[in-house]
């Protein structure tokens, strides 16, 4: 995989021939390595359901923060009006 990623324009077939493996085998190795790399990100190790739940919770948190900010500003406004 390192040879493939380091090469600028070499195709999978060319590199597979160079190292003596079938090009489909190399393509599968590259795919597996890319998938493994995607598991090291911020959502590493989460299932699809867990990712969707995380997205839903983050959206809900943003809404709660917005509502809290609106209420805070309303409270400040009415506090000034009461003086």
C-alpha atoms as a PDB file:
ATOM      1  CA  UNK A   1       0.000   0.000   0.000  1.00  0.00           C
ATOM      2  CA  UNK A   2       2.832   2.390   0.764  1.00  0.00           C
ATOM      3  CA  UNK A   3       4.254   1.903  -2.727  1.00  0.00           C
ATOM      4  CA  UNK A   4       0.855   2.622  -4.275  1.00  0.00           C
ATOM      5  CA  UNK A   5       0.240   5.678  -2.110  1.00  0.00           C
ATOM      6  CA  UNK A   6       3.764   7.005  -2.702  1.00  0.00           C
ATOM      7  CA  UNK A   7       3.508   6.688  -6.483  1.00  0.00           C
ATOM      8  CA  UNK A   8       2.093   9.721  -8.227  1.00  0.00           C
ATOM      9  CA  UNK A   9       0.495   8.274 -11.311  1.00  0.00           C
ATOM     10  CA  UNK A  10       1.186   4.557 -11.293  1.00  0.00           C
ATOM     11  CA  UNK A  11      -1.899   2.431 -11.686  1.00  0.00           C
ATOM     12  CA  UNK A  12      -2.807  -0.426  -9.404  1.00  0.00           C
ATOM     13  CA  UNK A  13      -2.056  -2.868 -12.228  1.00  0.00           C
ATOM     14  CA  UNK A  14       1.467  -1.497 -12.775  1.00  0.00           C
ATOM     15  CA  UNK A  15       2.321  -1.654  -9.093  1.00  0.00           C
ATOM     16  CA  UNK A  16       0.754  -5.118  -8.700  1.00  0.00           C
ATOM     17  CA  UNK A  17       2.892  -6.377 -11.585  1.00  0.00           C
ATOM     18  CA  UNK A  18       5.961  -4.760 -10.013  1.00  0.00           C
ATOM     19  CA  UNK A  19       5.481  -6.538  -6.673  1.00  0.00           C
ATOM     20  CA  UNK A  20       4.216  -9.773  -8.192  1.00  0.00           C
ATOM     21  CA  UNK A  21       0.595  -9.953  -7.022  1.00  0.00           C
ATOM     22  CA  UNK A  22      -2.729  -9.934  -8.827  1.00  0.00           C
ATOM     23  CA  UNK A  23      -4.042  -6.399  -9.381  1.00  0.00           C
ATOM     24  CA  UNK A  24      -7.402  -7.281  -7.793  1.00  0.00           C
ATOM     25  CA  UNK A  25      -5.604  -8.533  -4.689  1.00  0.00           C
ATOM     26  CA  UNK A  26      -3.737  -5.250  -4.422  1.00  0.00           C
ATOM     27  CA  UNK A  27      -6.960  -3.314  -5.010  1.00  0.00           C
ATOM     28  CA  UNK A  28      -8.614  -5.213  -2.126  1.00  0.00           C
ATOM     29  CA  UNK A  29      -5.620  -4.513   0.127  1.00  0.00           C
ATOM     30  CA  UNK A  30      -5.824  -0.820  -0.692  1.00  0.00           C
ATOM     31  CA  UNK A  31      -9.575  -0.805  -0.011  1.00  0.00           C
ATOM     32  CA  UNK A  32      -9.067  -2.560   3.334  1.00  0.00           C
ATOM     33  CA  UNK A  33      -6.311  -0.109   4.299  1.00  0.00           C
ATOM     34  CA  UNK A  34      -8.523   2.856   3.404  1.00  0.00           C
ATOM     35  CA  UNK A  35     -11.353   1.437   5.519  1.00  0.00           C
ATOM     36  CA  UNK A  36      -8.955   0.897   8.419  1.00  0.00           C
ATOM     37  CA  UNK A  37      -7.756   4.495   8.069  1.00  0.00           C
ATOM     38  CA  UNK A  38     -11.350   5.723   8.218  1.00  0.00           C
ATOM     39  CA  UNK A  39     -11.759   3.955  11.565  1.00  0.00           C
ATOM     40  CA  UNK A  40      -9.055   6.081  13.173  1.00  0.00           C
ATOM     41  CA  UNK A  41     -11.016   9.329  12.805  1.00  0.00           C
ATOM     42  CA  UNK A  42     -13.174  11.078  15.401  1.00  0.00           C
ATOM     43  CA  UNK A  43     -16.001   8.529  15.007  1.00  0.00           C
ATOM     44  CA  UNK A  44     -13.700   5.521  15.136  1.00  0.00           C
ATOM     45  CA  UNK A  45     -15.251   2.216  16.066  1.00  0.00           C
ATOM     46  CA  UNK A  46     -18.870   3.385  15.914  1.00  0.00           C
ATOM     47  CA  UNK A  47     -21.564   1.397  14.155  1.00  0.00           C
ATOM     48  CA  UNK A  48     -23.906   3.065  11.685  1.00  0.00           C
ATOM     49  CA  UNK A  49     -26.660   3.287  14.310  1.00  0.00           C
ATOM     50  CA  UNK A  50     -24.251   4.829  16.805  1.00  0.00           C
ATOM     51  CA  UNK A  51     -23.081   7.402  14.251  1.00  0.00           C
ATOM     52  CA  UNK A  52     -26.657   8.412  13.429  1.00  0.00           C
ATOM     53  CA  UNK A  53     -27.487   8.629  17.142  1.00  0.00           C
ATOM     54  CA  UNK A  54     -24.394  10.778  17.713  1.00  0.00           C
ATOM     55  CA  UNK A  55     -25.445  13.095  14.883  1.00  0.00           C
ATOM     56  CA  UNK A  56     -28.975  13.329  16.297  1.00  0.00           C
ATOM     57  CA  UNK A  57     -27.652  14.130  19.782  1.00  0.00           C
ATOM     58  CA  UNK A  58     -25.259  16.767  18.465  1.00  0.00           C
ATOM     59  CA  UNK A  59     -28.088  18.419  16.548  1.00  0.00           C
ATOM     60  CA  UNK A  60     -30.296  18.390  19.650  1.00  0.00           C
ATOM     61  CA  UNK A  61     -27.489  19.918  21.705  1.00  0.00           C
ATOM     62  CA  UNK A  62     -27.052  22.745  19.176  1.00  0.00           C
ATOM     63  CA  UNK A  63     -30.813  23.435  19.364  1.00  0.00           C
ATOM     64  CA  UNK A  64     -30.732  23.462  23.195  1.00  0.00           C
ATOM     65  CA  UNK A  65     -27.789  25.845  23.202  1.00  0.00           C
ATOM     66  CA  UNK A  66     -29.627  28.164  20.796  1.00  0.00           C
ATOM     67  CA  UNK A  67     -32.776  28.036  22.945  1.00  0.00           C
ATOM     68  CA  UNK A  68     -30.739  28.721  26.088  1.00  0.00           C
ATOM     69  CA  UNK A  69     -29.101  31.733  24.423  1.00  0.00           C
ATOM     70  CA  UNK A  70     -32.483  33.101  23.332  1.00  0.00           C
ATOM     71  CA  UNK A  71     -33.870  32.683  26.857  1.00  0.00           C
ATOM     72  CA  UNK A  72     -30.780  34.332  28.357  1.00  0.00           C
ATOM     73  CA  UNK A  73     -31.179  37.354  26.059  1.00  0.00           C
ATOM     74  CA  UNK A  74     -34.919  37.546  26.787  1.00  0.00           C
ATOM     75  CA  UNK A  75     -34.233  37.478  30.525  1.00  0.00           C
ATOM     76  CA  UNK A  76     -31.694  40.297  30.145  1.00  0.00           C
ATOM     77  CA  UNK A  77     -34.160  42.326  28.072  1.00  0.00           C
ATOM     78  CA  UNK A  78     -36.980  41.968  30.599  1.00  0.00           C
ATOM     79  CA  UNK A  79     -34.621  42.669  33.497  1.00  0.00           C
ATOM     80  CA  UNK A  80     -33.716  45.993  31.877  1.00  0.00           C
ATOM     81  CA  UNK A  81     -37.387  46.771  31.278  1.00  0.00           C
ATOM     82  CA  UNK A  82     -38.248  46.157  34.936  1.00  0.00           C
ATOM     83  CA  UNK A  83     -35.764  48.815  36.145  1.00  0.00           C
END
